[in-house]
Amino acid sequence: SLKPEDTAVYYCSWYPYVNWGQGTQVTV
């Protein structure tokens, strides 16, 4: 049920959330 406001770059990380990858773009 994606909404336009879900548009963003999405990242995953592990606690304490200091390491990041390139992310993946979601556009609704």
PDB file of all heavy atoms in Angstrom:
ATOM      1  N   SER A   1       0.825  -1.209   0.000  1.00  0.00           N
ATOM      2  CA  SER A   1       0.000   0.000   0.000  1.00  0.00           C
ATOM      3  C   SER A   1       0.858   1.257   0.000  1.00  0.00           C
ATOM      4  O   SER A   1       0.653   2.179   0.791  1.00  0.00           O
ATOM      5  CB  SER A   1      -0.947  -0.008   1.210  1.00  0.00           C
ATOM      6  OG  SER A   1      -1.785  -1.149   1.208  1.00  0.00           O
ATOM      7  N   LEU A   2       1.811   1.287  -0.894  1.00  0.00           N
ATOM      8  CA  LEU A   2       2.769   2.384  -0.924  1.00  0.00           C
ATOM      9  C   LEU A   2       2.098   3.709  -1.254  1.00  0.00           C
ATOM     10  O   LEU A   2       1.158   3.769  -2.047  1.00  0.00           O
ATOM     11  CB  LEU A   2       3.880   2.090  -1.923  1.00  0.00           C
ATOM     12  CG  LEU A   2       4.913   1.078  -1.426  1.00  0.00           C
ATOM     13  CD1 LEU A   2       5.719   0.515  -2.585  1.00  0.00           C
ATOM     14  CD2 LEU A   2       5.834   1.728  -0.393  1.00  0.00           C
ATOM     15  N   LYS A   3       2.605   4.752  -0.624  1.00  0.00           N
ATOM     16  CA  LYS A   3       2.105   6.098  -0.798  1.00  0.00           C
ATOM     17  C   LYS A   3       3.218   6.985  -1.344  1.00  0.00           C
ATOM     18  O   LYS A   3       4.393   6.697  -1.133  1.00  0.00           O
ATOM     19  CB  LYS A   3       1.620   6.666   0.539  1.00  0.00           C
ATOM     20  CG  LYS A   3       0.577   5.832   1.251  1.00  0.00           C
ATOM     21  CD  LYS A   3       0.278   6.406   2.630  1.00  0.00           C
ATOM     22  CE  LYS A   3      -0.754   5.577   3.364  1.00  0.00           C
ATOM     23  NZ  LYS A   3      -1.041   6.131   4.714  1.00  0.00           N
ATOM     24  N   PRO A   4       2.863   8.074  -2.015  1.00  0.00           N
ATOM     25  CA  PRO A   4       3.906   8.977  -2.506  1.00  0.00           C
ATOM     26  C   PRO A   4       4.851   9.454  -1.408  1.00  0.00           C
ATOM     27  O   PRO A   4       6.042   9.655  -1.666  1.00  0.00           O
ATOM     28  CB  PRO A   4       3.113  10.143  -3.098  1.00  0.00           C
ATOM     29  CG  PRO A   4       1.840   9.511  -3.559  1.00  0.00           C
ATOM     30  CD  PRO A   4       1.525   8.474  -2.508  1.00  0.00           C
ATOM     31  N   GLU A   5       4.348   9.616  -0.192  1.00  0.00           N
ATOM     32  CA  GLU A   5       5.195  10.058   0.905  1.00  0.00           C
ATOM     33  C   GLU A   5       6.201   9.004   1.365  1.00  0.00           C
ATOM     34  O   GLU A   5       7.064   9.295   2.194  1.00  0.00           O
ATOM     35  CB  GLU A   5       4.351  10.535   2.102  1.00  0.00           C
ATOM     36  CG  GLU A   5       3.279   9.552   2.535  1.00  0.00           C
ATOM     37  CD  GLU A   5       1.912   9.896   1.956  1.00  0.00           C
ATOM     38  OE1 GLU A   5       1.827  10.190   0.748  1.00  0.00           O
ATOM     39  OE2 GLU A   5       0.928   9.870   2.728  1.00  0.00           O
ATOM     40  N   ASP A   6       6.103   7.788   0.830  1.00  0.00           N
ATOM     41  CA  ASP A   6       7.102   6.763   1.099  1.00  0.00           C
ATOM     42  C   ASP A   6       8.340   6.928   0.224  1.00  0.00           C
ATOM     43  O   ASP A   6       9.328   6.213   0.415  1.00  0.00           O
ATOM     44  CB  ASP A   6       6.520   5.360   0.887  1.00  0.00           C
ATOM     45  CG  ASP A   6       5.409   5.030   1.860  1.00  0.00           C
ATOM     46  OD1 ASP A   6       5.530   5.378   3.055  1.00  0.00           O
ATOM     47  OD2 ASP A   6       4.413   4.411   1.429  1.00  0.00           O
ATOM     48  N   THR A   7       8.277   7.827  -0.735  1.00  0.00           N
ATOM     49  CA  THR A   7       9.403   8.058  -1.626  1.00  0.00           C
ATOM     50  C   THR A   7      10.625   8.502  -0.834  1.00  0.00           C
ATOM     51  O   THR A   7      10.579   9.483  -0.092  1.00  0.00           O
ATOM     52  CB  THR A   7       9.049   9.107  -2.685  1.00  0.00           C
ATOM     53  OG1 THR A   7       8.003   8.608  -3.523  1.00  0.00           O
ATOM     54  CG2 THR A   7      10.253   9.438  -3.548  1.00  0.00           C
ATOM     55  N   ALA A   8      11.719   7.776  -0.987  1.00  0.00           N
ATOM     56  CA  ALA A   8      12.937   8.057  -0.238  1.00  0.00           C
ATOM     57  C   ALA A   8      14.020   7.082  -0.677  1.00  0.00           C
ATOM     58  O   ALA A   8      13.758   6.118  -1.395  1.00  0.00           O
ATOM     59  CB  ALA A   8      12.694   7.916   1.270  1.00  0.00           C
ATOM     60  N   VAL A   9      15.233   7.345  -0.219  1.00  0.00           N
ATOM     61  CA  VAL A   9      16.290   6.355  -0.305  1.00  0.00           C
ATOM     62  C   VAL A   9      16.221   5.519   0.966  1.00  0.00           C
ATOM     63  O   VAL A   9      16.194   6.067   2.070  1.00  0.00           O
ATOM     64  CB  VAL A   9      17.681   6.991  -0.455  1.00  0.00           C
ATOM     65  CG1 VAL A   9      18.763   5.919  -0.477  1.00  0.00           C
ATOM     66  CG2 VAL A   9      17.739   7.828  -1.730  1.00  0.00           C
ATOM     67  N   TYR A  10      16.189   4.214   0.803  1.00  0.00           N
ATOM     68  CA  TYR A  10      16.072   3.309   1.937  1.00  0.00           C
ATOM     69  C   TYR A  10      17.418   2.655   2.231  1.00  0.00           C
ATOM     70  O   TYR A  10      18.108   2.182   1.326  1.00  0.00           O
ATOM     71  CB  TYR A  10      15.023   2.240   1.658  1.00  0.00           C
ATOM     72  CG  TYR A  10      13.611   2.760   1.780  1.00  0.00           C
ATOM     73  CD1 TYR A  10      13.086   3.625   0.827  1.00  0.00           C
ATOM     74  CD2 TYR A  10      12.805   2.404   2.864  1.00  0.00           C
ATOM     75  CE1 TYR A  10      11.800   4.127   0.948  1.00  0.00           C
ATOM     76  CE2 TYR A  10      11.520   2.893   2.990  1.00  0.00           C
ATOM     77  CZ  TYR A  10      11.021   3.754   2.033  1.00  0.00           C
ATOM     78  OH  TYR A  10       9.739   4.246   2.157  1.00  0.00           O
ATOM     79  N   TYR A  11      17.768   2.631   3.504  1.00  0.00           N
ATOM     80  CA  TYR A  11      19.027   2.072   3.964  1.00  0.00           C
ATOM     81  C   TYR A  11      18.775   1.033   5.045  1.00  0.00           C
ATOM     82  O   TYR A  11      17.814   1.132   5.797  1.00  0.00           O
ATOM     83  CB  TYR A  11      19.919   3.149   4.587  1.00  0.00           C
ATOM     84  CG  TYR A  11      20.243   4.325   3.709  1.00  0.00           C
ATOM     85  CD1 TYR A  11      19.391   5.424   3.642  1.00  0.00           C
ATOM     86  CD2 TYR A  11      21.412   4.357   2.969  1.00  0.00           C
ATOM     87  CE1 TYR A  11      19.694   6.523   2.850  1.00  0.00           C
ATOM     88  CE2 TYR A  11      21.728   5.449   2.180  1.00  0.00           C
ATOM     89  CZ  TYR A  11      20.862   6.532   2.129  1.00  0.00           C
ATOM     90  OH  TYR A  11      21.172   7.620   1.355  1.00  0.00           O
ATOM     91  N   CYS A  12      19.647   0.059   5.137  1.00  0.00           N
ATOM     92  CA  CYS A  12      19.633  -0.813   6.297  1.00  0.00           C
ATOM     93  C   CYS A  12      20.936  -0.637   7.062  1.00  0.00           C
ATOM     94  O   CYS A  12      21.956  -0.246   6.502  1.00  0.00           O
ATOM     95  CB  CYS A  12      19.422  -2.286   5.918  1.00  0.00           C
ATOM     96  SG  CYS A  12      20.707  -3.031   4.893  1.00  0.00           S
ATOM     97  N   SER A  13      20.872  -0.893   8.351  1.00  0.00           N
ATOM     98  CA  SER A  13      22.027  -0.742   9.207  1.00  0.00           C
ATOM     99  C   SER A  13      21.796  -1.547  10.471  1.00  0.00           C
ATOM    100  O   SER A  13      20.679  -1.984  10.732  1.00  0.00           O
ATOM    101  CB  SER A  13      22.242   0.739   9.549  1.00  0.00           C
ATOM    102  OG  SER A  13      23.427   0.927  10.304  1.00  0.00           O
ATOM    103  N   TRP A  14      22.852  -1.777  11.205  1.00  0.00           N
ATOM    104  CA  TRP A  14      22.713  -2.466  12.472  1.00  0.00           C
ATOM    105  C   TRP A  14      23.013  -1.520  13.620  1.00  0.00           C
ATOM    106  O   TRP A  14      23.802  -0.592  13.498  1.00  0.00           O
ATOM    107  CB  TRP A  14      23.605  -3.720  12.527  1.00  0.00           C
ATOM    108  CG  TRP A  14      25.086  -3.471  12.457  1.00  0.00           C
ATOM    109  CD1 TRP A  14      25.939  -3.296  13.502  1.00  0.00           C
ATOM    110  CD2 TRP A  14      25.883  -3.396  11.266  1.00  0.00           C
ATOM    111  NE1 TRP A  14      27.221  -3.104  13.050  1.00  0.00           N
ATOM    112  CE2 TRP A  14      27.214  -3.169  11.678  1.00  0.00           C
ATOM    113  CE3 TRP A  14      25.603  -3.503   9.906  1.00  0.00           C
ATOM    114  CZ2 TRP A  14      28.268  -3.038  10.767  1.00  0.00           C
ATOM    115  CZ3 TRP A  14      26.651  -3.371   8.995  1.00  0.00           C
ATOM    116  CH2 TRP A  14      27.959  -3.147   9.431  1.00  0.00           C
ATOM    117  N   TYR A  15      22.362  -1.768  14.730  1.00  0.00           N
ATOM    118  CA  TYR A  15      22.573  -0.957  15.906  1.00  0.00           C
ATOM    119  C   TYR A  15      24.032  -0.950  16.300  1.00  0.00           C
ATOM    120  O   TYR A  15      24.673  -2.003  16.284  1.00  0.00           O
ATOM    121  CB  TYR A  15      21.728  -1.488  17.075  1.00  0.00           C
ATOM    122  CG  TYR A  15      21.760  -0.621  18.304  1.00  0.00           C
ATOM    123  CD1 TYR A  15      20.897   0.454  18.436  1.00  0.00           C
ATOM    124  CD2 TYR A  15      22.661  -0.871  19.335  1.00  0.00           C
ATOM    125  CE1 TYR A  15      20.927   1.256  19.556  1.00  0.00           C
ATOM    126  CE2 TYR A  15      22.697  -0.070  20.464  1.00  0.00           C
ATOM    127  CZ  TYR A  15      21.830   0.997  20.562  1.00  0.00           C
ATOM    128  OH  TYR A  15      21.858   1.792  21.683  1.00  0.00           O
ATOM    129  N   PRO A  16      24.630   0.187  16.604  1.00  0.00           N
ATOM    130  CA  PRO A  16      24.036   1.495  16.901  1.00  0.00           C
ATOM    131  C   PRO A  16      23.834   2.414  15.705  1.00  0.00           C
ATOM    132  O   PRO A  16      23.819   3.642  15.878  1.00  0.00           O
ATOM    133  CB  PRO A  16      25.037   2.077  17.891  1.00  0.00           C
ATOM    134  CG  PRO A  16      26.354   1.579  17.404  1.00  0.00           C
ATOM    135  CD  PRO A  16      26.075   0.176  16.904  1.00  0.00           C
ATOM    136  N   TYR A  17      23.684   1.840  14.517  1.00  0.00           N
ATOM    137  CA  TYR A  17      23.313   2.609  13.323  1.00  0.00           C
ATOM    138  C   TYR A  17      24.331   3.687  12.983  1.00  0.00           C
ATOM    139  O   TYR A  17      24.020   4.878  12.926  1.00  0.00           O
ATOM    140  CB  TYR A  17      21.915   3.228  13.499  1.00  0.00           C
ATOM    141  CG  TYR A  17      20.843   2.258  13.917  1.00  0.00           C
ATOM    142  CD1 TYR A  17      19.978   2.556  14.970  1.00  0.00           C
ATOM    143  CD2 TYR A  17      20.681   1.041  13.268  1.00  0.00           C
ATOM    144  CE1 TYR A  17      18.984   1.666  15.357  1.00  0.00           C
ATOM    145  CE2 TYR A  17      19.699   0.146  13.649  1.00  0.00           C
ATOM    146  CZ  TYR A  17      18.853   0.464  14.690  1.00  0.00           C
ATOM    147  OH  TYR A  17      17.855  -0.415  15.075  1.00  0.00           O
ATOM    148  N   VAL A  18      25.539   3.238  12.749  1.00  0.00           N
ATOM    149  CA  VAL A  18      26.598   4.158  12.338  1.00  0.00           C
ATOM    150  C   VAL A  18      27.220   3.761  11.008  1.00  0.00           C
ATOM    151  O   VAL A  18      28.015   4.515  10.460  1.00  0.00           O
ATOM    152  CB  VAL A  18      27.698   4.273  13.414  1.00  0.00           C
ATOM    153  CG1 VAL A  18      27.140   4.886  14.684  1.00  0.00           C
ATOM    154  CG2 VAL A  18      28.331   2.921  13.695  1.00  0.00           C
ATOM    155  N   ASN A  19      26.870   2.589  10.501  1.00  0.00           N
ATOM    156  CA  ASN A  19      27.395   2.112   9.227  1.00  0.00           C
ATOM    157  C   ASN A  19      26.289   2.075   8.191  1.00  0.00           C
ATOM    158  O   ASN A  19      25.194   1.580   8.463  1.00  0.00           O
ATOM    159  CB  ASN A  19      28.017   0.725   9.383  1.00  0.00           C
ATOM    160  CG  ASN A  19      29.195   0.713  10.327  1.00  0.00           C
ATOM    161  OD1 ASN A  19      30.249   1.247  10.019  1.00  0.00           O
ATOM    162  ND2 ASN A  19      29.014   0.116  11.498  1.00  0.00           N
ATOM    163  N   TRP A  20      26.607   2.590   6.997  1.00  0.00           N
ATOM    164  CA  TRP A  20      25.599   2.724   5.957  1.00  0.00           C
ATOM    165  C   TRP A  20      26.130   2.282   4.612  1.00  0.00           C
ATOM    166  O   TRP A  20      27.304   2.466   4.299  1.00  0.00           O
ATOM    167  CB  TRP A  20      25.112   4.177   5.850  1.00  0.00           C
ATOM    168  CG  TRP A  20      24.692   4.749   7.163  1.00  0.00           C
ATOM    169  CD1 TRP A  20      25.444   5.492   8.021  1.00  0.00           C
ATOM    170  CD2 TRP A  20      23.419   4.590   7.795  1.00  0.00           C
ATOM    171  NE1 TRP A  20      24.719   5.815   9.144  1.00  0.00           N
ATOM    172  CE2 TRP A  20      23.476   5.284   9.026  1.00  0.00           C
ATOM    173  CE3 TRP A  20      22.237   3.948   7.425  1.00  0.00           C
ATOM    174  CZ2 TRP A  20      22.388   5.328   9.895  1.00  0.00           C
ATOM    175  CZ3 TRP A  20      21.162   3.994   8.292  1.00  0.00           C
ATOM    176  CH2 TRP A  20      21.244   4.683   9.505  1.00  0.00           C
ATOM    177  N   GLY A  21      25.253   1.705   3.806  1.00  0.00           N
ATOM    178  CA  GLY A  21      25.585   1.384   2.432  1.00  0.00           C
ATOM    179  C   GLY A  21      25.139   2.493   1.509  1.00  0.00           C
ATOM    180  O   GLY A  21      24.943   3.636   1.921  1.00  0.00           O
ATOM    181  N   GLN A  22      24.976   2.142   0.233  1.00  0.00           N
ATOM    182  CA  GLN A  22      24.568   3.128  -0.761  1.00  0.00           C
ATOM    183  C   GLN A  22      23.069   3.410  -0.739  1.00  0.00           C
ATOM    184  O   GLN A  22      22.625   4.436  -1.236  1.00  0.00           O
ATOM    185  CB  GLN A  22      24.983   2.675  -2.156  1.00  0.00           C
ATOM    186  CG  GLN A  22      26.484   2.620  -2.369  1.00  0.00           C
ATOM    187  CD  GLN A  22      27.118   3.985  -2.244  1.00  0.00           C
ATOM    188  OE1 GLN A  22      26.697   4.937  -2.908  1.00  0.00           O
ATOM    189  NE2 GLN A  22      28.116   4.101  -1.375  1.00  0.00           N
ATOM    190  N   GLY A  23      22.297   2.497  -0.177  1.00  0.00           N
ATOM    191  CA  GLY A  23      20.865   2.652  -0.149  1.00  0.00           C
ATOM    192  C   GLY A  23      20.227   2.235  -1.464  1.00  0.00           C
ATOM    193  O   GLY A  23      20.907   1.997  -2.463  1.00  0.00           O
ATOM    194  N   THR A  24      18.907   2.150  -1.460  1.00  0.00           N
ATOM    195  CA  THR A  24      18.166   1.834  -2.667  1.00  0.00           C
ATOM    196  C   THR A  24      16.987   2.798  -2.780  1.00  0.00           C
ATOM    197  O   THR A  24      16.290   3.063  -1.806  1.00  0.00           O
ATOM    198  CB  THR A  24      17.706   0.358  -2.665  1.00  0.00           C
ATOM    199  OG1 THR A  24      17.073   0.040  -3.909  1.00  0.00           O
ATOM    200  CG2 THR A  24      16.749   0.060  -1.515  1.00  0.00           C
ATOM    201  N   GLN A  25      16.802   3.339  -3.962  1.00  0.00           N
ATOM    202  CA  GLN A  25      15.794   4.375  -4.185  1.00  0.00           C
ATOM    203  C   GLN A  25      14.416   3.756  -4.371  1.00  0.00           C
ATOM    204  O   GLN A  25      14.234   2.851  -5.188  1.00  0.00           O
ATOM    205  CB  GLN A  25      16.151   5.215  -5.412  1.00  0.00           C
ATOM    206  CG  GLN A  25      15.104   6.261  -5.795  1.00  0.00           C
ATOM    207  CD  GLN A  25      15.046   7.410  -4.824  1.00  0.00           C
ATOM    208  OE1 GLN A  25      16.082   7.995  -4.502  1.00  0.00           O
ATOM    209  NE2 GLN A  25      13.848   7.749  -4.352  1.00  0.00           N
ATOM    210  N   VAL A  26      13.453   4.265  -3.628  1.00  0.00           N
ATOM    211  CA  VAL A  26      12.051   3.905  -3.796  1.00  0.00           C
ATOM    212  C   VAL A  26      11.297   5.159  -4.194  1.00  0.00           C
ATOM    213  O   VAL A  26      11.333   6.158  -3.483  1.00  0.00           O
ATOM    214  CB  VAL A  26      11.451   3.307  -2.509  1.00  0.00           C
ATOM    215  CG1 VAL A  26       9.941   3.116  -2.658  1.00  0.00           C
ATOM    216  CG2 VAL A  26      12.124   1.986  -2.174  1.00  0.00           C
ATOM    217  N   THR A  27      10.641   5.101  -5.328  1.00  0.00           N
ATOM    218  CA  THR A  27       9.854   6.226  -5.807  1.00  0.00           C
ATOM    219  C   THR A  27       8.419   5.770  -6.034  1.00  0.00           C
ATOM    220  O   THR A  27       8.185   4.828  -6.792  1.00  0.00           O
ATOM    221  CB  THR A  27      10.427   6.797  -7.108  1.00  0.00           C
ATOM    222  OG1 THR A  27      11.791   7.183  -6.905  1.00  0.00           O
ATOM    223  CG2 THR A  27       9.627   8.007  -7.563  1.00  0.00           C
ATOM    224  N   VAL A  28       7.489   6.431  -5.381  1.00  0.00           N
ATOM    225  CA  VAL A  28       6.075   6.092  -5.490  1.00  0.00           C
ATOM    226  C   VAL A  28       5.366   7.240  -6.189  1.00  0.00           C
ATOM    227  O   VAL A  28       5.364   8.369  -5.695  1.00  0.00           O
ATOM    228  CB  VAL A  28       5.443   5.835  -4.117  1.00  0.00           C
ATOM    229  CG1 VAL A  28       3.995   5.394  -4.282  1.00  0.00           C
ATOM    230  CG2 VAL A  28       6.244   4.781  -3.354  1.00  0.00           C
TER     231      VAL A  28
END
